[in-house]
């Protein structure tokens, strides 16, 4: 994160998410269930950029030990991690190892924070 302007962070007991002024999202910690969004379940001992969100401007994020939620400047909502009991909002229970956009149909009429 050297040279980056950090504008926000969220932490659980096992993971941390950090977003920068340029909109990049970084995660580190325990990678179980894909909660870090790097396409694998490996732990990350230093913050790594979530490459699947490159080209998006992340405005904020929240993390739990089981899943992560991130929202963008264009009001897109992405979730990744453990899909147990529909946690991710995709209509199923599959784990997502990389960010997956929650479909607009689900969010009709809802406000996503900016």
N, C-alpha and C. Protein backbone atom coordinates (compact mmCIF):
# COMPACT_ATOMS: atom_id res chain seq x y z
N UNK A 1 0.81 -1.21 0.00
CA UNK A 1 0.00 0.00 0.00
C UNK A 1 0.85 1.27 0.00
N UNK A 2 2.12 1.07 -0.10
CA UNK A 2 3.03 2.21 -0.14
C UNK A 2 2.66 3.14 -1.30
N UNK A 3 2.52 4.40 -1.01
CA UNK A 3 2.19 5.37 -2.04
C UNK A 3 0.72 5.47 -2.35
N UNK A 4 -0.11 4.65 -1.72
CA UNK A 4 -1.56 4.67 -1.95
C UNK A 4 -2.23 5.50 -0.85
N UNK A 5 -3.34 6.14 -1.17
CA UNK A 5 -4.11 6.87 -0.18
C UNK A 5 -5.26 5.99 0.28
N UNK A 6 -5.17 5.48 1.49
CA UNK A 6 -6.21 4.63 2.06
C UNK A 6 -7.35 5.53 2.54
N UNK A 7 -8.57 5.21 2.11
CA UNK A 7 -9.73 6.00 2.53
C UNK A 7 -10.68 5.22 3.43
N UNK A 8 -10.49 3.90 3.53
CA UNK A 8 -11.35 3.13 4.41
C UNK A 8 -10.85 1.73 4.63
N UNK A 9 -11.36 1.13 5.71
CA UNK A 9 -11.00 -0.24 6.03
C UNK A 9 -12.10 -0.86 6.87
N UNK A 10 -12.18 -2.17 6.82
CA UNK A 10 -13.10 -2.94 7.64
C UNK A 10 -12.35 -4.19 8.07
N UNK A 11 -12.61 -4.64 9.30
CA UNK A 11 -11.90 -5.82 9.79
C UNK A 11 -12.84 -6.75 10.54
N UNK A 12 -12.57 -8.03 10.41
CA UNK A 12 -13.25 -9.04 11.21
C UNK A 12 -12.19 -9.64 12.13
N UNK A 13 -12.53 -10.70 12.80
CA UNK A 13 -11.54 -11.35 13.67
C UNK A 13 -10.47 -12.08 12.86
N UNK A 14 -10.69 -12.25 11.53
CA UNK A 14 -9.77 -13.04 10.73
C UNK A 14 -9.31 -12.39 9.43
N UNK A 15 -9.95 -11.31 8.99
CA UNK A 15 -9.61 -10.67 7.72
C UNK A 15 -9.68 -9.15 7.85
N UNK A 16 -9.01 -8.49 6.90
CA UNK A 16 -9.08 -7.04 6.78
C UNK A 16 -9.29 -6.69 5.31
N UNK A 17 -10.17 -5.72 5.05
CA UNK A 17 -10.32 -5.16 3.70
C UNK A 17 -9.98 -3.67 3.78
N UNK A 18 -9.33 -3.19 2.73
CA UNK A 18 -8.86 -1.81 2.66
C UNK A 18 -9.19 -1.29 1.27
N UNK A 19 -9.71 -0.07 1.18
CA UNK A 19 -9.91 0.52 -0.14
C UNK A 19 -9.22 1.87 -0.19
N UNK A 20 -8.81 2.23 -1.42
CA UNK A 20 -7.99 3.41 -1.63
C UNK A 20 -8.76 4.50 -2.37
N UNK A 21 -8.18 5.69 -2.40
CA UNK A 21 -8.81 6.82 -3.09
C UNK A 21 -9.03 6.52 -4.57
N UNK A 22 -8.18 5.70 -5.16
CA UNK A 22 -8.34 5.36 -6.58
C UNK A 22 -9.41 4.28 -6.79
N UNK A 23 -9.93 3.70 -5.70
CA UNK A 23 -10.99 2.70 -5.81
C UNK A 23 -10.51 1.27 -5.81
N UNK A 24 -9.23 1.04 -5.56
CA UNK A 24 -8.73 -0.34 -5.50
C UNK A 24 -9.09 -0.97 -4.16
N UNK A 25 -9.36 -2.28 -4.18
CA UNK A 25 -9.68 -3.02 -2.96
C UNK A 25 -8.55 -3.99 -2.67
N UNK A 26 -8.12 -4.03 -1.42
CA UNK A 26 -7.07 -4.94 -0.96
C UNK A 26 -7.62 -5.76 0.20
N UNK A 27 -7.18 -7.01 0.29
CA UNK A 27 -7.59 -7.87 1.40
C UNK A 27 -6.39 -8.64 1.93
N UNK A 28 -6.50 -9.01 3.20
CA UNK A 28 -5.48 -9.87 3.79
C UNK A 28 -6.11 -10.62 4.96
N UNK A 29 -5.45 -11.70 5.37
CA UNK A 29 -5.93 -12.51 6.47
C UNK A 29 -6.19 -13.94 6.05
N UNK A 30 -7.12 -14.56 6.74
CA UNK A 30 -7.47 -15.96 6.48
C UNK A 30 -8.33 -16.05 5.22
N UNK A 31 -7.97 -16.93 4.31
CA UNK A 31 -8.63 -17.01 3.01
C UNK A 31 -9.75 -18.04 2.90
N UNK A 32 -10.13 -18.66 3.99
CA UNK A 32 -11.15 -19.71 3.97
C UNK A 32 -12.41 -19.26 3.22
N UNK A 33 -12.97 -20.14 2.43
CA UNK A 33 -14.22 -19.93 1.67
C UNK A 33 -14.09 -18.87 0.58
N UNK A 34 -12.88 -18.36 0.33
CA UNK A 34 -12.71 -17.34 -0.70
C UNK A 34 -13.02 -15.94 -0.23
N UNK A 35 -13.10 -15.73 1.07
CA UNK A 35 -13.49 -14.45 1.63
C UNK A 35 -12.56 -13.30 1.24
N UNK A 36 -11.33 -13.61 0.78
CA UNK A 36 -10.40 -12.56 0.36
C UNK A 36 -10.59 -12.14 -1.09
N UNK A 37 -11.29 -12.96 -1.87
CA UNK A 37 -11.60 -12.58 -3.26
C UNK A 37 -10.48 -12.76 -4.26
N UNK A 38 -9.47 -13.56 -3.93
CA UNK A 38 -8.33 -13.75 -4.82
C UNK A 38 -8.44 -14.98 -5.72
N UNK A 39 -9.60 -15.62 -5.73
CA UNK A 39 -9.79 -16.78 -6.59
C UNK A 39 -9.28 -18.07 -6.00
N UNK A 40 -8.96 -18.04 -4.71
CA UNK A 40 -8.43 -19.21 -4.02
C UNK A 40 -8.80 -19.09 -2.55
N UNK A 41 -8.41 -20.10 -1.78
CA UNK A 41 -8.69 -20.07 -0.34
C UNK A 41 -7.41 -19.94 0.48
N UNK A 42 -6.35 -19.43 -0.15
CA UNK A 42 -5.07 -19.26 0.53
C UNK A 42 -5.10 -18.03 1.44
N UNK A 43 -4.39 -18.11 2.56
CA UNK A 43 -4.24 -16.96 3.44
C UNK A 43 -3.32 -15.94 2.77
N UNK A 44 -3.51 -14.68 3.11
CA UNK A 44 -2.65 -13.60 2.61
C UNK A 44 -2.10 -12.86 3.82
N UNK A 45 -0.78 -12.87 3.97
CA UNK A 45 -0.15 -12.27 5.14
C UNK A 45 0.16 -10.79 4.98
N UNK A 46 0.01 -10.29 3.77
CA UNK A 46 0.10 -8.85 3.49
C UNK A 46 -1.06 -8.51 2.57
N UNK A 47 -1.53 -7.26 2.57
CA UNK A 47 -2.65 -6.89 1.70
C UNK A 47 -2.32 -7.15 0.22
N UNK A 48 -3.29 -7.80 -0.46
CA UNK A 48 -3.18 -8.06 -1.90
C UNK A 48 -4.38 -7.42 -2.59
N UNK A 49 -4.15 -6.86 -3.75
CA UNK A 49 -5.24 -6.25 -4.50
C UNK A 49 -6.19 -7.33 -5.01
N UNK A 50 -7.48 -7.06 -4.92
CA UNK A 50 -8.50 -7.95 -5.47
C UNK A 50 -8.60 -7.63 -6.96
N UNK A 51 -7.89 -8.42 -7.75
CA UNK A 51 -7.74 -8.15 -9.19
C UNK A 51 -9.06 -8.19 -9.94
N UNK A 52 -10.00 -9.02 -9.49
CA UNK A 52 -11.29 -9.13 -10.19
C UNK A 52 -12.07 -7.82 -10.17
N UNK A 53 -11.72 -6.89 -9.27
CA UNK A 53 -12.41 -5.60 -9.21
C UNK A 53 -11.58 -4.48 -9.85
N UNK A 54 -10.48 -4.83 -10.50
CA UNK A 54 -9.69 -3.82 -11.23
C UNK A 54 -10.60 -3.18 -12.27
N UNK A 55 -10.50 -1.89 -12.42
CA UNK A 55 -11.35 -1.18 -13.36
C UNK A 55 -12.64 -0.69 -12.73
N UNK A 56 -12.92 -1.10 -11.51
CA UNK A 56 -14.08 -0.62 -10.75
C UNK A 56 -13.55 0.33 -9.69
N UNK A 57 -14.35 1.30 -9.30
CA UNK A 57 -13.96 2.18 -8.20
C UNK A 57 -14.74 1.77 -6.96
N UNK A 58 -14.07 1.04 -6.08
CA UNK A 58 -14.69 0.59 -4.84
C UNK A 58 -14.81 1.78 -3.90
N UNK A 59 -16.02 2.01 -3.41
CA UNK A 59 -16.29 3.12 -2.51
C UNK A 59 -16.34 2.69 -1.05
N UNK A 60 -16.56 1.39 -0.82
CA UNK A 60 -16.63 0.89 0.53
C UNK A 60 -16.74 -0.61 0.55
N UNK A 61 -16.53 -1.19 1.71
CA UNK A 61 -16.60 -2.64 1.85
C UNK A 61 -16.82 -2.99 3.31
N UNK A 62 -17.29 -4.20 3.52
CA UNK A 62 -17.46 -4.74 4.86
C UNK A 62 -17.06 -6.21 4.81
N UNK A 63 -16.45 -6.69 5.89
CA UNK A 63 -15.98 -8.07 5.92
C UNK A 63 -16.41 -8.74 7.22
N UNK A 64 -16.71 -10.01 7.12
CA UNK A 64 -16.95 -10.86 8.28
C UNK A 64 -15.99 -12.05 8.14
N UNK A 65 -15.91 -12.93 9.11
CA UNK A 65 -15.05 -14.10 8.93
C UNK A 65 -15.51 -15.01 7.79
N UNK A 66 -16.71 -14.78 7.26
CA UNK A 66 -17.29 -15.69 6.28
C UNK A 66 -17.48 -15.11 4.89
N UNK A 67 -17.70 -13.83 4.77
CA UNK A 67 -17.91 -13.24 3.45
C UNK A 67 -17.59 -11.75 3.47
N UNK A 68 -17.44 -11.21 2.25
CA UNK A 68 -17.11 -9.80 2.06
C UNK A 68 -18.11 -9.18 1.11
N UNK A 69 -18.44 -7.93 1.36
CA UNK A 69 -19.33 -7.14 0.51
C UNK A 69 -18.57 -5.89 0.11
N UNK A 70 -18.63 -5.52 -1.16
CA UNK A 70 -18.01 -4.28 -1.63
C UNK A 70 -18.97 -3.58 -2.58
N UNK A 71 -19.00 -2.25 -2.54
CA UNK A 71 -19.85 -1.49 -3.44
C UNK A 71 -19.00 -0.46 -4.18
N UNK A 72 -19.47 -0.13 -5.38
CA UNK A 72 -18.69 0.71 -6.28
C UNK A 72 -19.35 2.06 -6.51
N UNK A 73 -18.60 2.94 -7.18
CA UNK A 73 -19.10 4.27 -7.51
C UNK A 73 -20.29 4.22 -8.46
N UNK A 74 -20.45 3.13 -9.18
CA UNK A 74 -21.58 3.00 -10.10
C UNK A 74 -22.73 2.21 -9.47
N UNK A 75 -22.71 2.11 -8.12
CA UNK A 75 -23.77 1.47 -7.33
C UNK A 75 -23.88 -0.03 -7.56
N UNK A 76 -22.80 -0.65 -8.03
CA UNK A 76 -22.76 -2.11 -8.14
C UNK A 76 -22.41 -2.68 -6.77
N UNK A 77 -22.99 -3.82 -6.45
CA UNK A 77 -22.72 -4.50 -5.19
C UNK A 77 -22.11 -5.85 -5.51
N UNK A 78 -20.97 -6.15 -4.89
CA UNK A 78 -20.26 -7.41 -5.10
C UNK A 78 -20.14 -8.14 -3.78
N UNK A 79 -20.28 -9.47 -3.82
CA UNK A 79 -20.07 -10.29 -2.63
C UNK A 79 -19.17 -11.45 -3.00
N UNK A 80 -18.46 -11.95 -1.98
CA UNK A 80 -17.63 -13.14 -2.18
C UNK A 80 -17.35 -13.79 -0.84
N UNK A 81 -17.07 -15.09 -0.90
CA UNK A 81 -16.82 -15.87 0.31
C UNK A 81 -17.79 -17.03 0.44
N UNK A 82 -18.20 -17.31 1.65
CA UNK A 82 -19.03 -18.46 1.99
C UNK A 82 -20.48 -18.20 1.62
N UNK A 83 -21.04 -19.05 0.78
CA UNK A 83 -22.40 -18.89 0.31
C UNK A 83 -23.46 -19.53 1.20
N UNK A 84 -23.07 -20.10 2.31
CA UNK A 84 -23.96 -20.80 3.23
C UNK A 84 -25.24 -20.01 3.50
N UNK A 85 -26.37 -20.67 3.38
CA UNK A 85 -27.69 -20.10 3.65
C UNK A 85 -27.97 -18.83 2.86
N UNK A 86 -27.37 -18.71 1.69
CA UNK A 86 -27.65 -17.56 0.84
C UNK A 86 -26.98 -16.27 1.27
N UNK A 87 -25.94 -16.35 2.10
CA UNK A 87 -25.25 -15.15 2.62
C UNK A 87 -24.87 -14.15 1.55
N UNK A 88 -24.56 -14.62 0.35
CA UNK A 88 -24.00 -13.75 -0.68
C UNK A 88 -25.04 -13.03 -1.53
N UNK A 89 -26.29 -13.46 -1.42
CA UNK A 89 -27.35 -12.77 -2.16
C UNK A 89 -27.47 -13.13 -3.62
N UNK A 90 -26.95 -14.29 -4.01
CA UNK A 90 -27.00 -14.69 -5.42
C UNK A 90 -28.08 -15.72 -5.70
N UNK A 91 -28.90 -16.02 -4.70
CA UNK A 91 -29.99 -16.97 -4.91
C UNK A 91 -29.58 -18.41 -4.74
N UNK A 92 -28.41 -18.67 -4.19
CA UNK A 92 -27.95 -20.04 -3.98
C UNK A 92 -27.01 -20.10 -2.78
N UNK A 93 -26.32 -21.23 -2.68
CA UNK A 93 -25.44 -21.43 -1.53
C UNK A 93 -23.98 -21.69 -1.92
N UNK A 94 -23.65 -21.46 -3.18
CA UNK A 94 -22.28 -21.71 -3.64
C UNK A 94 -21.32 -20.67 -3.06
N UNK A 95 -20.11 -21.11 -2.72
CA UNK A 95 -19.05 -20.19 -2.33
C UNK A 95 -18.58 -19.44 -3.57
N UNK A 96 -18.18 -18.21 -3.39
CA UNK A 96 -17.61 -17.41 -4.47
C UNK A 96 -16.19 -17.04 -4.08
N UNK A 97 -15.22 -17.51 -4.86
CA UNK A 97 -13.81 -17.25 -4.55
C UNK A 97 -13.32 -15.91 -5.08
N UNK A 98 -14.13 -15.29 -5.95
CA UNK A 98 -13.86 -13.96 -6.49
C UNK A 98 -15.14 -13.15 -6.39
N UNK A 99 -15.04 -11.82 -6.41
CA UNK A 99 -16.23 -11.00 -6.33
C UNK A 99 -17.23 -11.32 -7.44
N UNK A 100 -18.48 -11.42 -7.05
CA UNK A 100 -19.56 -11.63 -8.00
C UNK A 100 -20.61 -10.56 -7.75
N UNK A 101 -21.03 -9.92 -8.83
CA UNK A 101 -22.01 -8.84 -8.71
C UNK A 101 -23.37 -9.39 -8.32
N UNK A 102 -23.99 -8.75 -7.34
CA UNK A 102 -25.37 -9.09 -6.99
C UNK A 102 -26.23 -8.47 -8.08
N UNK A 103 -27.08 -9.28 -8.70
CA UNK A 103 -27.81 -8.81 -9.88
C UNK A 103 -28.74 -7.66 -9.55
N UNK A 104 -28.86 -6.80 -10.52
CA UNK A 104 -29.71 -5.61 -10.36
C UNK A 104 -31.15 -5.98 -10.04
N UNK A 105 -31.63 -7.07 -10.57
CA UNK A 105 -33.01 -7.48 -10.31
C UNK A 105 -33.27 -7.62 -8.82
N UNK A 106 -32.27 -8.11 -8.09
CA UNK A 106 -32.43 -8.28 -6.65
C UNK A 106 -32.45 -6.95 -5.94
N UNK A 107 -31.74 -5.96 -6.49
CA UNK A 107 -31.59 -4.66 -5.82
C UNK A 107 -32.59 -3.60 -6.25
N UNK A 108 -33.53 -3.93 -7.13
CA UNK A 108 -34.49 -2.93 -7.60
C UNK A 108 -35.17 -2.28 -6.40
N UNK A 109 -35.16 -0.97 -6.37
CA UNK A 109 -35.81 -0.23 -5.30
C UNK A 109 -35.00 -0.11 -4.03
N UNK A 110 -33.77 -0.64 -4.03
CA UNK A 110 -32.93 -0.58 -2.84
C UNK A 110 -31.86 0.50 -3.02
N UNK A 111 -31.48 1.12 -1.93
CA UNK A 111 -30.38 2.09 -1.97
C UNK A 111 -29.10 1.39 -1.56
N UNK A 112 -28.08 1.51 -2.40
CA UNK A 112 -26.75 1.01 -2.07
C UNK A 112 -25.95 2.24 -1.66
N UNK A 113 -25.33 2.23 -0.46
CA UNK A 113 -24.61 3.43 0.00
C UNK A 113 -23.50 3.85 -0.95
N UNK A 114 -23.30 5.13 -1.04
CA UNK A 114 -22.20 5.65 -1.87
C UNK A 114 -21.13 6.26 -1.01
